């Protein structure tokens, strides 16, 4: 949604885990943005899963099958109605292909 000269993000999916995700959640929450976390089987009880307003399982423990799987991240974003995706640090932020896929409308 565009409001005047600024873009208003209503919901944000954070495609990362741990402290990085928690810091992004805190900032988003201060801005009134609903937060969506993702998690692998290894992280089901992790802090970032508990701190997100909503959390979605994206696959098994292996990062290649979960956090590095762009299609699973996009599926989670679609399923939750996320209006933006924050790649966090590492994982998708270092994958140029993921940026192209995420910024391309369906």
PDB file of N, CA and C in Angstrom:
ATOM      1  N   UNK A   1       0.844  -1.161   0.000  1.00  0.00           N
ATOM      2  CA  UNK A   1       0.000   0.000   0.000  1.00  0.00           C
ATOM      3  C   UNK A   1       0.899   1.236   0.000  1.00  0.00           C
ATOM      4  N   UNK A   2       0.569   2.219  -0.831  1.00  0.00           N
ATOM      5  CA  UNK A   2       1.314   3.471  -0.871  1.00  0.00           C
ATOM      6  C   UNK A   2       0.480   4.525  -0.154  1.00  0.00           C
ATOM      7  N   UNK A   3       1.088   5.190   0.791  1.00  0.00           N
ATOM      8  CA  UNK A   3       0.400   6.208   1.563  1.00  0.00           C
ATOM      9  C   UNK A   3       1.196   7.495   1.427  1.00  0.00           C
ATOM     10  N   UNK A   4       0.679   8.427   0.622  1.00  0.00           N
ATOM     11  CA  UNK A   4       1.430   9.654   0.380  1.00  0.00           C
ATOM     12  C   UNK A   4       2.706   9.342  -0.364  1.00  0.00           C
ATOM     13  N   UNK A   5       3.824   9.735   0.184  1.00  0.00           N
ATOM     14  CA  UNK A   5       5.135   9.536  -0.425  1.00  0.00           C
ATOM     15  C   UNK A   5       5.858   8.306   0.092  1.00  0.00           C
ATOM     16  N   UNK A   6       5.292   7.594   1.054  1.00  0.00           N
ATOM     17  CA  UNK A   6       6.008   6.465   1.636  1.00  0.00           C
ATOM     18  C   UNK A   6       5.247   5.159   1.433  1.00  0.00           C
ATOM     19  N   UNK A   7       5.994   4.104   1.397  1.00  0.00           N
ATOM     20  CA  UNK A   7       5.426   2.768   1.232  1.00  0.00           C
ATOM     21  C   UNK A   7       5.152   2.190   2.618  1.00  0.00           C
ATOM     22  N   UNK A   8       3.973   1.644   2.792  1.00  0.00           N
ATOM     23  CA  UNK A   8       3.612   1.055   4.076  1.00  0.00           C
ATOM     24  C   UNK A   8       3.581  -0.466   3.906  1.00  0.00           C
ATOM     25  N   UNK A   9       4.426  -1.139   4.651  1.00  0.00           N
ATOM     26  CA  UNK A   9       4.462  -2.605   4.634  1.00  0.00           C
ATOM     27  C   UNK A   9       3.608  -3.094   5.792  1.00  0.00           C
ATOM     28  N   UNK A  10       2.635  -3.926   5.488  1.00  0.00           N
ATOM     29  CA  UNK A  10       1.732  -4.423   6.520  1.00  0.00           C
ATOM     30  C   UNK A  10       2.236  -5.695   7.175  1.00  0.00           C
ATOM     31  N   UNK A  11       2.967  -6.514   6.392  1.00  0.00           N
ATOM     32  CA  UNK A  11       3.479  -7.776   6.938  1.00  0.00           C
ATOM     33  C   UNK A  11       4.826  -8.094   6.293  1.00  0.00           C
ATOM     34  N   UNK A  12       5.697  -8.674   7.097  1.00  0.00           N
ATOM     35  CA  UNK A  12       7.069  -8.927   6.671  1.00  0.00           C
ATOM     36  C   UNK A  12       7.478 -10.345   7.026  1.00  0.00           C
ATOM     37  N   UNK A  13       7.864 -11.122   6.012  1.00  0.00           N
ATOM     38  CA  UNK A  13       8.412 -12.447   6.243  1.00  0.00           C
ATOM     39  C   UNK A  13       9.932 -12.316   6.331  1.00  0.00           C
ATOM     40  N   UNK A  14      10.510 -12.848   7.384  1.00  0.00           N
ATOM     41  CA  UNK A  14      11.961 -12.815   7.567  1.00  0.00           C
ATOM     42  C   UNK A  14      12.503 -14.196   7.230  1.00  0.00           C
ATOM     43  N   UNK A  15      13.288 -14.249   6.158  1.00  0.00           N
ATOM     44  CA  UNK A  15      13.818 -15.517   5.646  1.00  0.00           C
ATOM     45  C   UNK A  15      15.151 -15.839   6.295  1.00  0.00           C
ATOM     46  N   UNK A  16      15.166 -15.851   7.614  1.00  0.00           N
ATOM     47  CA  UNK A  16      16.375 -16.123   8.366  1.00  0.00           C
ATOM     48  C   UNK A  16      15.977 -16.680   9.721  1.00  0.00           C
ATOM     49  N   UNK A  17      16.945 -16.933  10.564  1.00  0.00           N
ATOM     50  CA  UNK A  17      16.665 -17.525  11.872  1.00  0.00           C
ATOM     51  C   UNK A  17      17.541 -16.876  12.937  1.00  0.00           C
ATOM     52  N   UNK A  18      17.328 -17.272  14.169  1.00  0.00           N
ATOM     53  CA  UNK A  18      18.179 -16.844  15.275  1.00  0.00           C
ATOM     54  C   UNK A  18      18.084 -15.361  15.589  1.00  0.00           C
ATOM     55  N   UNK A  19      19.188 -14.834  16.112  1.00  0.00           N
ATOM     56  CA  UNK A  19      19.243 -13.449  16.582  1.00  0.00           C
ATOM     57  C   UNK A  19      18.958 -12.452  15.467  1.00  0.00           C
ATOM     58  N   UNK A  20      19.417 -12.732  14.270  1.00  0.00           N
ATOM     59  CA  UNK A  20      19.161 -11.829  13.141  1.00  0.00           C
ATOM     60  C   UNK A  20      17.645 -11.655  12.961  1.00  0.00           C
ATOM     61  N   UNK A  21      16.924 -12.759  12.903  1.00  0.00           N
ATOM     62  CA  UNK A  21      15.476 -12.693  12.730  1.00  0.00           C
ATOM     63  C   UNK A  21      14.818 -11.960  13.894  1.00  0.00           C
ATOM     64  N   UNK A  22      15.247 -12.224  15.109  1.00  0.00           N
ATOM     65  CA  UNK A  22      14.654 -11.579  16.285  1.00  0.00           C
ATOM     66  C   UNK A  22      14.843 -10.066  16.254  1.00  0.00           C
ATOM     67  N   UNK A  23      15.996  -9.613  15.836  1.00  0.00           N
ATOM     68  CA  UNK A  23      16.246  -8.164  15.744  1.00  0.00           C
ATOM     69  C   UNK A  23      15.337  -7.523  14.696  1.00  0.00           C
ATOM     70  N   UNK A  24      15.184  -8.193  13.574  1.00  0.00           N
ATOM     71  CA  UNK A  24      14.305  -7.670  12.525  1.00  0.00           C
ATOM     72  C   UNK A  24      12.862  -7.650  13.015  1.00  0.00           C
ATOM     73  N   UNK A  25      12.427  -8.693  13.713  1.00  0.00           N
ATOM     74  CA  UNK A  25      11.068  -8.737  14.267  1.00  0.00           C
ATOM     75  C   UNK A  25      10.826  -7.563  15.209  1.00  0.00           C
ATOM     76  N   UNK A  26      11.772  -7.302  16.103  1.00  0.00           N
ATOM     77  CA  UNK A  26      11.599  -6.214  17.074  1.00  0.00           C
ATOM     78  C   UNK A  26      11.428  -4.873  16.375  1.00  0.00           C
ATOM     79  N   UNK A  27      12.248  -4.617  15.382  1.00  0.00           N
ATOM     80  CA  UNK A  27      12.160  -3.353  14.645  1.00  0.00           C
ATOM     81  C   UNK A  27      10.839  -3.270  13.886  1.00  0.00           C
ATOM     82  N   UNK A  28      10.467  -4.352  13.217  1.00  0.00           N
ATOM     83  CA  UNK A  28       9.206  -4.366  12.470  1.00  0.00           C
ATOM     84  C   UNK A  28       8.026  -4.122  13.405  1.00  0.00           C
ATOM     85  N   UNK A  29       8.046  -4.766  14.552  1.00  0.00           N
ATOM     86  CA  UNK A  29       6.945  -4.625  15.507  1.00  0.00           C
ATOM     87  C   UNK A  29       6.820  -3.171  15.978  1.00  0.00           C
ATOM     88  N   UNK A  30       7.961  -2.507  16.214  1.00  0.00           N
ATOM     89  CA  UNK A  30       7.934  -1.094  16.617  1.00  0.00           C
ATOM     90  C   UNK A  30       7.296  -0.227  15.530  1.00  0.00           C
ATOM     91  N   UNK A  31       7.411  -0.674  14.285  1.00  0.00           N
ATOM     92  CA  UNK A  31       6.837   0.061  13.153  1.00  0.00           C
ATOM     93  C   UNK A  31       5.405  -0.373  12.834  1.00  0.00           C
ATOM     94  N   UNK A  32       4.872  -1.288  13.637  1.00  0.00           N
ATOM     95  CA  UNK A  32       3.505  -1.744  13.440  1.00  0.00           C
ATOM     96  C   UNK A  32       3.342  -2.763  12.329  1.00  0.00           C
ATOM     97  N   UNK A  33       4.413  -3.457  12.010  1.00  0.00           N
ATOM     98  CA  UNK A  33       4.387  -4.448  10.934  1.00  0.00           C
ATOM     99  C   UNK A  33       4.247  -5.842  11.526  1.00  0.00           C
ATOM    100  N   UNK A  34       3.298  -6.615  10.987  1.00  0.00           N
ATOM    101  CA  UNK A  34       3.118  -8.017  11.410  1.00  0.00           C
ATOM    102  C   UNK A  34       4.318  -8.830  10.932  1.00  0.00           C
ATOM    103  N   UNK A  35       4.863  -9.671  11.800  1.00  0.00           N
ATOM    104  CA  UNK A  35       6.070 -10.440  11.464  1.00  0.00           C
ATOM    105  C   UNK A  35       5.748 -11.905  11.212  1.00  0.00           C
ATOM    106  N   UNK A  36       6.451 -12.442  10.217  1.00  0.00           N
ATOM    107  CA  UNK A  36       6.280 -13.840   9.851  1.00  0.00           C
ATOM    108  C   UNK A  36       7.659 -14.486   9.834  1.00  0.00           C
ATOM    109  N   UNK A  37       7.831 -15.527  10.615  1.00  0.00           N
ATOM    110  CA  UNK A  37       9.088 -16.257  10.653  1.00  0.00           C
ATOM    111  C   UNK A  37       8.983 -17.555   9.880  1.00  0.00           C
ATOM    112  N   UNK A  38      10.122 -18.077   9.522  1.00  0.00           N
ATOM    113  CA  UNK A  38      10.176 -19.395   8.890  1.00  0.00           C
ATOM    114  C   UNK A  38      11.110 -20.267   9.718  1.00  0.00           C
ATOM    115  N   UNK A  39      10.901 -21.567   9.656  1.00  0.00           N
ATOM    116  CA  UNK A  39      11.754 -22.456  10.440  1.00  0.00           C
ATOM    117  C   UNK A  39      11.877 -23.814   9.781  1.00  0.00           C
ATOM    118  N   UNK A  40      13.007 -24.437  10.035  1.00  0.00           N
ATOM    119  CA  UNK A  40      13.228 -25.816   9.590  1.00  0.00           C
ATOM    120  C   UNK A  40      12.900 -26.742  10.758  1.00  0.00           C
ATOM    121  N   UNK A  41      12.940 -28.026  10.507  1.00  0.00           N
ATOM    122  CA  UNK A  41      12.683 -28.994  11.579  1.00  0.00           C
ATOM    123  C   UNK A  41      13.653 -28.817  12.743  1.00  0.00           C
ATOM    124  N   UNK A  42      14.870 -28.401  12.455  1.00  0.00           N
ATOM    125  CA  UNK A  42      15.873 -28.211  13.517  1.00  0.00           C
ATOM    126  C   UNK A  42      15.548 -27.021  14.413  1.00  0.00           C
ATOM    127  N   UNK A  43      14.740 -26.093  13.922  1.00  0.00           N
ATOM    128  CA  UNK A  43      14.477 -24.851  14.648  1.00  0.00           C
ATOM    129  C   UNK A  43      13.059 -24.731  15.194  1.00  0.00           C
ATOM    130  N   UNK A  44      12.335 -25.818  15.224  1.00  0.00           N
ATOM    131  CA  UNK A  44      10.924 -25.760  15.612  1.00  0.00           C
ATOM    132  C   UNK A  44      10.701 -25.091  16.976  1.00  0.00           C
ATOM    133  N   UNK A  45      11.639 -25.206  17.900  1.00  0.00           N
ATOM    134  CA  UNK A  45      11.486 -24.611  19.228  1.00  0.00           C
ATOM    135  C   UNK A  45      12.380 -23.387  19.434  1.00  0.00           C
ATOM    136  N   UNK A  46      12.936 -22.877  18.369  1.00  0.00           N
ATOM    137  CA  UNK A  46      13.875 -21.760  18.467  1.00  0.00           C
ATOM    138  C   UNK A  46      13.182 -20.453  18.864  1.00  0.00           C
ATOM    139  N   UNK A  47      13.961 -19.552  19.410  1.00  0.00           N
ATOM    140  CA  UNK A  47      13.451 -18.266  19.879  1.00  0.00           C
ATOM    141  C   UNK A  47      12.776 -17.466  18.765  1.00  0.00           C
ATOM    142  N   UNK A  48      13.368 -17.458  17.584  1.00  0.00           N
ATOM    143  CA  UNK A  48      12.772 -16.649  16.511  1.00  0.00           C
ATOM    144  C   UNK A  48      11.385 -17.159  16.112  1.00  0.00           C
ATOM    145  N   UNK A  49      11.149 -18.437  16.275  1.00  0.00           N
ATOM    146  CA  UNK A  49       9.828 -19.008  15.974  1.00  0.00           C
ATOM    147  C   UNK A  49       8.810 -18.487  16.984  1.00  0.00           C
ATOM    148  N   UNK A  50       9.205 -18.407  18.229  1.00  0.00           N
ATOM    149  CA  UNK A  50       8.318 -17.928  19.295  1.00  0.00           C
ATOM    150  C   UNK A  50       8.082 -16.425  19.204  1.00  0.00           C
ATOM    151  N   UNK A  51       9.076 -15.669  18.736  1.00  0.00           N
ATOM    152  CA  UNK A  51       8.961 -14.210  18.688  1.00  0.00           C
ATOM    153  C   UNK A  51       8.183 -13.694  17.483  1.00  0.00           C
ATOM    154  N   UNK A  52       8.078 -14.475  16.444  1.00  0.00           N
ATOM    155  CA  UNK A  52       7.329 -14.049  15.261  1.00  0.00           C
ATOM    156  C   UNK A  52       5.834 -14.045  15.574  1.00  0.00           C
ATOM    157  N   UNK A  53       5.099 -13.160  14.930  1.00  0.00           N
ATOM    158  CA  UNK A  53       3.648 -13.160  15.086  1.00  0.00           C
ATOM    159  C   UNK A  53       3.051 -14.437  14.488  1.00  0.00           C
ATOM    160  N   UNK A  54       3.699 -14.938  13.460  1.00  0.00           N
ATOM    161  CA  UNK A  54       3.276 -16.168  12.792  1.00  0.00           C
ATOM    162  C   UNK A  54       4.545 -16.866  12.316  1.00  0.00           C
ATOM    163  N   UNK A  55       4.556 -18.186  12.301  1.00  0.00           N
ATOM    164  CA  UNK A  55       5.729 -18.928  11.844  1.00  0.00           C
ATOM    165  C   UNK A  55       5.294 -20.084  10.944  1.00  0.00           C
ATOM    166  N   UNK A  56       6.102 -20.341   9.923  1.00  0.00           N
ATOM    167  CA  UNK A  56       5.781 -21.355   8.927  1.00  0.00           C
ATOM    168  C   UNK A  56       6.954 -22.317   8.775  1.00  0.00           C
ATOM    169  N   UNK A  57       6.652 -23.610   8.824  1.00  0.00           N
ATOM    170  CA  UNK A  57       7.684 -24.619   8.588  1.00  0.00           C
ATOM    171  C   UNK A  57       8.020 -24.633   7.101  1.00  0.00           C
ATOM    172  N   UNK A  58       9.329 -24.613   6.792  1.00  0.00           N
ATOM    173  CA  UNK A  58       9.755 -24.592   5.396  1.00  0.00           C
ATOM    174  C   UNK A  58      10.555 -25.820   4.989  1.00  0.00           C
ATOM    175  N   UNK A  59      10.711 -26.792   5.883  1.00  0.00           N
ATOM    176  CA  UNK A  59      11.378 -28.010   5.470  1.00  0.00           C
ATOM    177  C   UNK A  59      12.252 -28.647   6.518  1.00  0.00           C
ATOM    178  N   UNK A  60      13.025 -29.650   6.086  1.00  0.00           N
ATOM    179  CA  UNK A  60      13.904 -30.386   6.996  1.00  0.00           C
ATOM    180  C   UNK A  60      15.070 -29.525   7.498  1.00  0.00           C
ATOM    181  N   UNK A  61      15.854 -30.101   8.367  1.00  0.00           N
ATOM    182  CA  UNK A  61      16.946 -29.374   9.025  1.00  0.00           C
ATOM    183  C   UNK A  61      18.008 -28.833   8.071  1.00  0.00           C
ATOM    184  N   UNK A  62      18.300 -29.541   7.021  1.00  0.00           N
ATOM    185  CA  UNK A  62      19.357 -29.107   6.101  1.00  0.00           C
ATOM    186  C   UNK A  62      18.997 -27.764   5.459  1.00  0.00           C
ATOM    187  N   UNK A  63      19.839 -26.739   5.618  1.00  0.00           N
ATOM    188  CA  UNK A  63      19.547 -25.419   5.052  1.00  0.00           C
ATOM    189  C   UNK A  63      19.245 -25.445   3.559  1.00  0.00           C
ATOM    190  N   UNK A  64      19.907 -26.298   2.816  1.00  0.00           N
ATOM    191  CA  UNK A  64      19.666 -26.379   1.368  1.00  0.00           C
ATOM    192  C   UNK A  64      18.212 -26.759   1.066  1.00  0.00           C
ATOM    193  N   UNK A  65      17.605 -27.493   1.981  1.00  0.00           N
ATOM    194  CA  UNK A  65      16.231 -27.943   1.793  1.00  0.00           C
ATOM    195  C   UNK A  65      15.212 -27.042   2.498  1.00  0.00           C
ATOM    196  N   UNK A  66      15.687 -25.988   3.136  1.00  0.00           N
ATOM    197  CA  UNK A  66      14.770 -25.105   3.860  1.00  0.00           C
ATOM    198  C   UNK A  66      15.138 -23.634   3.627  1.00  0.00           C
ATOM    199  N   UNK A  67      16.033 -23.094   4.425  1.00  0.00           N
ATOM    200  CA  UNK A  67      16.354 -21.665   4.348  1.00  0.00           C
ATOM    201  C   UNK A  67      16.947 -21.228   3.008  1.00  0.00           C
ATOM    202  N   UNK A  68      17.602 -22.118   2.298  1.00  0.00           N
ATOM    203  CA  UNK A  68      18.185 -21.779   1.002  1.00  0.00           C
ATOM    204  C   UNK A  68      17.272 -22.139  -0.167  1.00  0.00           C
ATOM    205  N   UNK A  69      16.110 -22.663   0.120  1.00  0.00           N
ATOM    206  CA  UNK A  69      15.164 -23.066  -0.921  1.00  0.00           C
ATOM    207  C   UNK A  69      14.212 -21.894  -1.195  1.00  0.00           C
ATOM    208  N   UNK A  70      14.509 -21.155  -2.252  1.00  0.00           N
ATOM    209  CA  UNK A  70      13.744 -19.948  -2.573  1.00  0.00           C
ATOM    210  C   UNK A  70      12.264 -20.259  -2.777  1.00  0.00           C
ATOM    211  N   UNK A  71      11.948 -21.342  -3.425  1.00  0.00           N
ATOM    212  CA  UNK A  71      10.547 -21.684  -3.663  1.00  0.00           C
ATOM    213  C   UNK A  71       9.788 -21.900  -2.355  1.00  0.00           C
ATOM    214  N   UNK A  72      10.431 -22.529  -1.367  1.00  0.00           N
ATOM    215  CA  UNK A  72       9.751 -22.743  -0.080  1.00  0.00           C
ATOM    216  C   UNK A  72       9.525 -21.413   0.645  1.00  0.00           C
ATOM    217  N   UNK A  73      10.477 -20.499   0.533  1.00  0.00           N
ATOM    218  CA  UNK A  73      10.315 -19.170   1.136  1.00  0.00           C
ATOM    219  C   UNK A  73       9.154 -18.439   0.452  1.00  0.00           C
ATOM    220  N   UNK A  74       9.118 -18.484  -0.879  1.00  0.00           N
ATOM    221  CA  UNK A  74       8.034 -17.833  -1.613  1.00  0.00           C
ATOM    222  C   UNK A  74       6.681 -18.473  -1.298  1.00  0.00           C
ATOM    223  N   UNK A  75       6.652 -19.788  -1.166  1.00  0.00           N
ATOM    224  CA  UNK A  75       5.406 -20.471  -0.787  1.00  0.00           C
ATOM    225  C   UNK A  75       4.927 -19.995   0.577  1.00  0.00           C
ATOM    226  N   UNK A  76       5.855 -19.846   1.519  1.00  0.00           N
ATOM    227  CA  UNK A  76       5.504 -19.372   2.863  1.00  0.00           C
ATOM    228  C   UNK A  76       4.977 -17.938   2.797  1.00  0.00           C
ATOM    229  N   UNK A  77       5.596 -17.108   1.976  1.00  0.00           N
ATOM    230  CA  UNK A  77       5.151 -15.718   1.831  1.00  0.00           C
ATOM    231  C   UNK A  77       3.735 -15.672   1.250  1.00  0.00           C
ATOM    232  N   UNK A  78       3.496 -16.459   0.236  1.00  0.00           N
ATOM    233  CA  UNK A  78       2.154 -16.495  -0.372  1.00  0.00           C
ATOM    234  C   UNK A  78       1.114 -17.015   0.616  1.00  0.00           C
ATOM    235  N   UNK A  79       1.457 -18.080   1.325  1.00  0.00           N
ATOM    236  CA  UNK A  79       0.503 -18.706   2.254  1.00  0.00           C
ATOM    237  C   UNK A  79       0.109 -17.773   3.395  1.00  0.00           C
ATOM    238  N   UNK A  80       1.006 -16.892   3.793  1.00  0.00           N
ATOM    239  CA  UNK A  80       0.742 -16.006   4.928  1.00  0.00           C
ATOM    240  C   UNK A  80       0.309 -14.608   4.511  1.00  0.00           C
ATOM    241  N   UNK A  81       0.352 -14.328   3.216  1.00  0.00           N
ATOM    242  CA  UNK A  81       0.000 -12.992   2.742  1.00  0.00           C
ATOM    243  C   UNK A  81       1.078 -11.956   3.024  1.00  0.00           C
ATOM    244  N   UNK A  82       2.318 -12.399   3.172  1.00  0.00           N
ATOM    245  CA  UNK A  82       3.413 -11.452   3.427  1.00  0.00           C
ATOM    246  C   UNK A  82       3.506 -10.454   2.282  1.00  0.00           C
ATOM    247  N   UNK A  83       3.651  -9.191   2.631  1.00  0.00           N
ATOM    248  CA  UNK A  83       3.754  -8.138   1.628  1.00  0.00           C
ATOM    249  C   UNK A  83       5.201  -7.796   1.306  1.00  0.00           C
ATOM    250  N   UNK A  84       6.133  -8.311   2.114  1.00  0.00           N
ATOM    251  CA  UNK A  84       7.563  -8.069   1.887  1.00  0.00           C
ATOM    252  C   UNK A  84       8.343  -9.232   2.479  1.00  0.00           C
ATOM    253  N   UNK A  85       9.552  -9.422   1.946  1.00  0.00           N
ATOM    254  CA  UNK A  85      10.458 -10.458   2.454  1.00  0.00           C
ATOM    255  C   UNK A  85      11.786  -9.807   2.785  1.00  0.00           C
ATOM    256  N   UNK A  86      12.247 -10.029   3.994  1.00  0.00           N
ATOM    257  CA  UNK A  86      13.571  -9.558   4.424  1.00  0.00           C
ATOM    258  C   UNK A  86      14.490 -10.780   4.405  1.00  0.00           C
ATOM    259  N   UNK A  87      15.597 -10.734   3.649  1.00  0.00           N
ATOM    260  CA  UNK A  87      16.456 -11.917   3.567  1.00  0.00           C
ATOM    261  C   UNK A  87      17.321 -12.157   4.797  1.00  0.00           C
ATOM    262  N   UNK A  88      17.427 -11.170   5.686  1.00  0.00           N
ATOM    263  CA  UNK A  88      18.298 -11.330   6.835  1.00  0.00           C
ATOM    264  C   UNK A  88      19.754 -11.234   6.426  1.00  0.00           C
ATOM    265  N   UNK A  89      20.592 -12.056   7.025  1.00  0.00           N
ATOM    266  CA  UNK A  89      22.027 -12.042   6.768  1.00  0.00           C
ATOM    267  C   UNK A  89      22.429 -13.456   6.381  1.00  0.00           C
ATOM    268  N   UNK A  90      23.209 -13.595   5.317  1.00  0.00           N
ATOM    269  CA  UNK A  90      23.555 -14.934   4.851  1.00  0.00           C
ATOM    270  C   UNK A  90      22.383 -15.528   4.099  1.00  0.00           C
ATOM    271  N   UNK A  91      22.291 -16.812   4.027  1.00  0.00           N
ATOM    272  CA  UNK A  91      21.206 -17.508   3.336  1.00  0.00           C
ATOM    273  C   UNK A  91      20.810 -16.780   2.057  1.00  0.00           C
ATOM    274  N   UNK A  92      19.578 -16.305   1.966  1.00  0.00           N
ATOM    275  CA  UNK A  92      19.081 -15.705   0.729  1.00  0.00           C
ATOM    276  C   UNK A  92      19.725 -14.370   0.386  1.00  0.00           C
ATOM    277  N   UNK A  93      20.219 -13.655   1.364  1.00  0.00           N
ATOM    278  CA  UNK A  93      20.805 -12.343   1.080  1.00  0.00           C
ATOM    279  C   UNK A  93      22.037 -12.455   0.185  1.00  0.00           C
ATOM    280  N   UNK A  94      22.645 -13.620   0.143  1.00  0.00           N
ATOM    281  CA  UNK A  94      23.841 -13.827  -0.672  1.00  0.00           C
ATOM    282  C   UNK A  94      23.530 -14.540  -1.989  1.00  0.00           C
ATOM    283  N   UNK A  95      22.260 -14.678  -2.313  1.00  0.00           N
ATOM    284  CA  UNK A  95      21.837 -15.395  -3.512  1.00  0.00           C
ATOM    285  C   UNK A  95      21.159 -14.416  -4.472  1.00  0.00           C
ATOM    286  N   UNK A  96      21.863 -14.010  -5.523  1.00  0.00           N
ATOM    287  CA  UNK A  96      21.321 -13.039  -6.482  1.00  0.00           C
ATOM    288  C   UNK A  96      20.047 -13.547  -7.146  1.00  0.00           C
ATOM    289  N   UNK A  97      19.956 -14.831  -7.400  1.00  0.00           N
ATOM    290  CA  UNK A  97      18.765 -15.400  -8.035  1.00  0.00           C
ATOM    291  C   UNK A  97      17.535 -15.180  -7.149  1.00  0.00           C
ATOM    292  N   UNK A  98      17.694 -15.291  -5.841  1.00  0.00           N
ATOM    293  CA  UNK A  98      16.553 -15.127  -4.956  1.00  0.00           C
ATOM    294  C   UNK A  98      16.012 -13.702  -5.042  1.00  0.00           C
ATOM    295  N   UNK A  99      16.872 -12.722  -5.201  1.00  0.00           N
ATOM    296  CA  UNK A  99      16.415 -11.333  -5.304  1.00  0.00           C
ATOM    297  C   UNK A  99      15.559 -11.148  -6.545  1.00  0.00           C
ATOM    298  N   UNK A 100      15.981 -11.736  -7.648  1.00  0.00           N
ATOM    299  CA  UNK A 100      15.200 -11.627  -8.894  1.00  0.00           C
ATOM    300  C   UNK A 100      13.843 -12.323  -8.754  1.00  0.00           C
ATOM    301  N   UNK A 101      13.834 -13.496  -8.153  1.00  0.00           N
ATOM    302  CA  UNK A 101      12.577 -14.235  -8.002  1.00  0.00           C
ATOM    303  C   UNK A 101      11.606 -13.533  -7.065  1.00  0.00           C
ATOM    304  N   UNK A 102      12.124 -12.982  -5.986  1.00  0.00           N
ATOM    305  CA  UNK A 102      11.279 -12.328  -5.004  1.00  0.00           C
ATOM    306  C   UNK A 102      10.697 -11.022  -5.550  1.00  0.00           C
ATOM    307  N   UNK A 103      11.462 -10.287  -6.312  1.00  0.00           N
ATOM    308  CA  UNK A 103      10.989  -8.990  -6.790  1.00  0.00           C
ATOM    309  C   UNK A 103      10.136  -9.088  -8.043  1.00  0.00           C
ATOM    310  N   UNK A 104      10.002 -10.277  -8.611  1.00  0.00           N
ATOM    311  CA  UNK A 104       9.179 -10.468  -9.795  1.00  0.00           C
ATOM    312  C   UNK A 104       7.759 -10.807  -9.392  1.00  0.00           C
ATOM    313  N   UNK A 105       6.781  -9.998  -9.826  1.00  0.00           N
ATOM    314  CA  UNK A 105       5.382 -10.307  -9.458  1.00  0.00           C
ATOM    315  C   UNK A 105       4.899 -11.604 -10.097  1.00  0.00           C
ATOM    316  N   UNK A 106       3.938 -12.250  -9.435  1.00  0.00           N
ATOM    317  CA  UNK A 106       3.346 -13.497  -9.971  1.00  0.00           C
ATOM    318  C   UNK A 106       2.577 -13.205 -11.242  1.00  0.00           C
TER     319      UNK A 106
END
